[in-house]
């Protein structure tokens, strides 16, 4: 996972004053996300409903699941860093009782999230909530 903490990522994105600032910040964050291997980019791991290809792997063999994700789009990888920072270190119960949409709204991504991108992000949150 990224070396950025949830709080630091949130502060960086909240400090963005324009769509361009948000874009640059998401691209910077995208570089901190470890890439998945070609073997991990399976149909089973792909999140349906996203504008760009997104893969999400959830290892929930322990009470604190590990999340790994990737996308073919830099901006979406930046959004994935933000999403994963919300989940990092949380138990399955904490994640299931969390309002993921409200937590994500704190990142101030509305200028980036078009309708189709919002639908994709909601698909990612739904896949997480089902685990």
C-alpha atoms as a PDB file:
ATOM      1  CA  UNK A   1       0.000   0.000   0.000  1.00  0.00           C
ATOM      2  CA  UNK A   2       1.024   3.583  -0.315  1.00  0.00           C
ATOM      3  CA  UNK A   3       3.268   5.359   2.127  1.00  0.00           C
ATOM      4  CA  UNK A   4       0.658   8.099   2.416  1.00  0.00           C
ATOM      5  CA  UNK A   5      -1.634   8.025   5.409  1.00  0.00           C
ATOM      6  CA  UNK A   6      -5.382   8.413   5.084  1.00  0.00           C
ATOM      7  CA  UNK A   7      -5.207  11.807   6.819  1.00  0.00           C
ATOM      8  CA  UNK A   8      -2.392  13.074   4.589  1.00  0.00           C
ATOM      9  CA  UNK A   9      -4.165  11.973   1.395  1.00  0.00           C
ATOM     10  CA  UNK A  10      -7.386  13.618   2.569  1.00  0.00           C
ATOM     11  CA  UNK A  11      -5.554  16.866   3.392  1.00  0.00           C
ATOM     12  CA  UNK A  12      -3.785  16.878   0.013  1.00  0.00           C
ATOM     13  CA  UNK A  13      -7.023  16.398  -1.912  1.00  0.00           C
ATOM     14  CA  UNK A  14      -8.976  18.877   0.217  1.00  0.00           C
ATOM     15  CA  UNK A  15      -6.276  21.486  -0.477  1.00  0.00           C
ATOM     16  CA  UNK A  16      -6.877  21.247  -4.237  1.00  0.00           C
ATOM     17  CA  UNK A  17      -8.470  24.452  -5.518  1.00  0.00           C
ATOM     18  CA  UNK A  18      -9.088  23.442  -9.128  1.00  0.00           C
ATOM     19  CA  UNK A  19      -9.766  20.452 -11.318  1.00  0.00           C
ATOM     20  CA  UNK A  20      -6.144  20.707 -12.494  1.00  0.00           C
ATOM     21  CA  UNK A  21      -4.848  20.565  -8.884  1.00  0.00           C
ATOM     22  CA  UNK A  22      -6.994  17.502  -8.206  1.00  0.00           C
ATOM     23  CA  UNK A  23      -5.747  15.872 -11.420  1.00  0.00           C
ATOM     24  CA  UNK A  24      -2.073  16.465 -10.491  1.00  0.00           C
ATOM     25  CA  UNK A  25      -2.602  15.177  -6.950  1.00  0.00           C
ATOM     26  CA  UNK A  26      -4.345  12.011  -8.176  1.00  0.00           C
ATOM     27  CA  UNK A  27      -1.543  11.348 -10.686  1.00  0.00           C
ATOM     28  CA  UNK A  28       1.038  11.756  -7.890  1.00  0.00           C
ATOM     29  CA  UNK A  29      -0.933   9.390  -5.646  1.00  0.00           C
ATOM     30  CA  UNK A  30      -1.289   6.876  -8.493  1.00  0.00           C
ATOM     31  CA  UNK A  31       2.476   6.397  -8.511  1.00  0.00           C
ATOM     32  CA  UNK A  32       2.354   5.050  -4.940  1.00  0.00           C
ATOM     33  CA  UNK A  33       0.006   2.165  -5.822  1.00  0.00           C
ATOM     34  CA  UNK A  34       1.707  -1.189  -6.378  1.00  0.00           C
ATOM     35  CA  UNK A  35       0.739  -2.673  -9.729  1.00  0.00           C
ATOM     36  CA  UNK A  36      -0.961  -6.053 -10.001  1.00  0.00           C
ATOM     37  CA  UNK A  37       0.603  -8.738 -12.149  1.00  0.00           C
ATOM     38  CA  UNK A  38      -0.988  -9.800 -15.427  1.00  0.00           C
ATOM     39  CA  UNK A  39      -2.007 -13.087 -13.742  1.00  0.00           C
ATOM     40  CA  UNK A  40      -3.927 -11.147 -11.069  1.00  0.00           C
ATOM     41  CA  UNK A  41      -5.875  -9.110 -13.617  1.00  0.00           C
ATOM     42  CA  UNK A  42      -8.560 -11.744 -14.079  1.00  0.00           C
ATOM     43  CA  UNK A  43     -12.238 -11.342 -14.891  1.00  0.00           C
ATOM     44  CA  UNK A  44     -12.981 -12.522 -11.351  1.00  0.00           C
ATOM     45  CA  UNK A  45     -10.932  -9.654  -9.879  1.00  0.00           C
ATOM     46  CA  UNK A  46     -12.212  -7.031 -12.305  1.00  0.00           C
ATOM     47  CA  UNK A  47     -14.753  -4.545 -10.966  1.00  0.00           C
ATOM     48  CA  UNK A  48     -17.700  -4.347 -13.343  1.00  0.00           C
ATOM     49  CA  UNK A  49     -19.267  -0.962 -14.077  1.00  0.00           C
ATOM     50  CA  UNK A  50     -16.076   1.098 -14.209  1.00  0.00           C
ATOM     51  CA  UNK A  51     -15.285   3.376 -17.143  1.00  0.00           C
ATOM     52  CA  UNK A  52     -11.667   2.163 -17.086  1.00  0.00           C
ATOM     53  CA  UNK A  53     -10.470  -1.319 -16.225  1.00  0.00           C
ATOM     54  CA  UNK A  54     -10.203  -1.744 -12.437  1.00  0.00           C
ATOM     55  CA  UNK A  55      -9.135  -4.831 -10.538  1.00  0.00           C
ATOM     56  CA  UNK A  56      -9.619  -5.377  -6.818  1.00  0.00           C
ATOM     57  CA  UNK A  57      -8.186  -8.233  -4.778  1.00  0.00           C
ATOM     58  CA  UNK A  58      -9.396  -8.717  -1.231  1.00  0.00           C
ATOM     59  CA  UNK A  59      -7.540 -11.101   1.048  1.00  0.00           C
ATOM     60  CA  UNK A  60      -9.883 -11.517   3.995  1.00  0.00           C
ATOM     61  CA  UNK A  61      -8.322 -14.561   5.596  1.00  0.00           C
ATOM     62  CA  UNK A  62      -7.726 -12.507   8.733  1.00  0.00           C
ATOM     63  CA  UNK A  63     -10.034 -10.162  10.615  1.00  0.00           C
ATOM     64  CA  UNK A  64      -8.167  -7.230   9.025  1.00  0.00           C
ATOM     65  CA  UNK A  65      -8.451  -7.759   5.262  1.00  0.00           C
ATOM     66  CA  UNK A  66      -5.707  -6.735   2.863  1.00  0.00           C
ATOM     67  CA  UNK A  67      -6.757  -4.867  -0.261  1.00  0.00           C
ATOM     68  CA  UNK A  68      -4.815  -4.590  -3.498  1.00  0.00           C
ATOM     69  CA  UNK A  69      -6.090  -2.792  -6.551  1.00  0.00           C
ATOM     70  CA  UNK A  70      -5.000  -1.557  -9.941  1.00  0.00           C
ATOM     71  CA  UNK A  71      -6.406   0.232 -12.961  1.00  0.00           C
ATOM     72  CA  UNK A  72      -5.324   0.927 -16.519  1.00  0.00           C
ATOM     73  CA  UNK A  73      -6.021   4.637 -15.841  1.00  0.00           C
ATOM     74  CA  UNK A  74      -3.655   6.807 -13.785  1.00  0.00           C
ATOM     75  CA  UNK A  75      -6.431   8.944 -12.319  1.00  0.00           C
ATOM     76  CA  UNK A  76      -8.398   5.915 -11.199  1.00  0.00           C
ATOM     77  CA  UNK A  77      -5.246   4.500  -9.570  1.00  0.00           C
ATOM     78  CA  UNK A  78      -5.066   7.761  -7.603  1.00  0.00           C
ATOM     79  CA  UNK A  79      -8.702   7.327  -6.536  1.00  0.00           C
ATOM     80  CA  UNK A  80      -7.912   3.720  -5.559  1.00  0.00           C
ATOM     81  CA  UNK A  81      -5.097   4.967  -3.295  1.00  0.00           C
ATOM     82  CA  UNK A  82      -7.648   7.217  -1.564  1.00  0.00           C
ATOM     83  CA  UNK A  83     -10.188   4.377  -1.218  1.00  0.00           C
ATOM     84  CA  UNK A  84      -7.601   1.910   0.079  1.00  0.00           C
ATOM     85  CA  UNK A  85      -6.352   4.457   2.623  1.00  0.00           C
ATOM     86  CA  UNK A  86      -9.861   4.495   4.132  1.00  0.00           C
ATOM     87  CA  UNK A  87      -9.773   0.704   4.545  1.00  0.00           C
ATOM     88  CA  UNK A  88      -6.196   0.208   5.695  1.00  0.00           C
ATOM     89  CA  UNK A  89      -5.993  -1.427   9.115  1.00  0.00           C
ATOM     90  CA  UNK A  90      -9.776  -1.713   9.506  1.00  0.00           C
ATOM     91  CA  UNK A  91     -11.482  -4.934  10.544  1.00  0.00           C
ATOM     92  CA  UNK A  92     -14.178  -6.572   8.428  1.00  0.00           C
ATOM     93  CA  UNK A  93     -16.802  -5.406  10.944  1.00  0.00           C
ATOM     94  CA  UNK A  94     -15.512  -1.823  10.862  1.00  0.00           C
ATOM     95  CA  UNK A  95     -15.602  -1.802   7.060  1.00  0.00           C
ATOM     96  CA  UNK A  96     -19.114  -3.271   6.927  1.00  0.00           C
ATOM     97  CA  UNK A  97     -20.457  -0.638   9.335  1.00  0.00           C
ATOM     98  CA  UNK A  98     -18.593   2.266   7.706  1.00  0.00           C
ATOM     99  CA  UNK A  99     -20.320   4.691   5.343  1.00  0.00           C
ATOM    100  CA  UNK A 100     -17.755   4.318   2.567  1.00  0.00           C
ATOM    101  CA  UNK A 101     -19.482   6.886   0.328  1.00  0.00           C
ATOM    102  CA  UNK A 102     -19.392   9.525   3.086  1.00  0.00           C
ATOM    103  CA  UNK A 103     -15.736   8.735   3.839  1.00  0.00           C
ATOM    104  CA  UNK A 104     -14.853   9.078   0.155  1.00  0.00           C
ATOM    105  CA  UNK A 105     -16.789  12.369  -0.061  1.00  0.00           C
ATOM    106  CA  UNK A 106     -14.318  13.805   2.477  1.00  0.00           C
ATOM    107  CA  UNK A 107     -11.630  13.639  -0.236  1.00  0.00           C
ATOM    108  CA  UNK A 108     -13.291  16.432  -2.236  1.00  0.00           C
ATOM    109  CA  UNK A 109     -13.184  14.530  -5.537  1.00  0.00           C
ATOM    110  CA  UNK A 110     -16.429  15.872  -7.001  1.00  0.00           C
ATOM    111  CA  UNK A 111     -14.602  17.892  -9.692  1.00  0.00           C
ATOM    112  CA  UNK A 112     -12.903  14.708 -10.909  1.00  0.00           C
ATOM    113  CA  UNK A 113     -15.813  12.297 -10.528  1.00  0.00           C
ATOM    114  CA  UNK A 114     -18.028  12.564 -13.592  1.00  0.00           C
ATOM    115  CA  UNK A 115     -21.256  10.563 -13.573  1.00  0.00           C
ATOM    116  CA  UNK A 116     -19.667   7.527 -15.206  1.00  0.00           C
ATOM    117  CA  UNK A 117     -16.618   7.688 -12.924  1.00  0.00           C
ATOM    118  CA  UNK A 118     -18.896   8.009  -9.890  1.00  0.00           C
ATOM    119  CA  UNK A 119     -20.732   4.863 -11.012  1.00  0.00           C
ATOM    120  CA  UNK A 120     -17.374   3.077 -11.276  1.00  0.00           C
ATOM    121  CA  UNK A 121     -16.319   4.191  -7.801  1.00  0.00           C
ATOM    122  CA  UNK A 122     -19.689   3.046  -6.419  1.00  0.00           C
ATOM    123  CA  UNK A 123     -19.090  -0.355  -8.051  1.00  0.00           C
ATOM    124  CA  UNK A 124     -15.725  -0.543  -6.257  1.00  0.00           C
ATOM    125  CA  UNK A 125     -17.323   0.398  -2.923  1.00  0.00           C
ATOM    126  CA  UNK A 126     -20.083  -2.186  -3.491  1.00  0.00           C
ATOM    127  CA  UNK A 127     -17.509  -4.916  -4.143  1.00  0.00           C
ATOM    128  CA  UNK A 128     -15.688  -3.960  -0.930  1.00  0.00           C
ATOM    129  CA  UNK A 129     -18.923  -3.906   1.087  1.00  0.00           C
ATOM    130  CA  UNK A 130     -19.835  -7.415  -0.121  1.00  0.00           C
ATOM    131  CA  UNK A 131     -16.690  -8.952   1.398  1.00  0.00           C
END
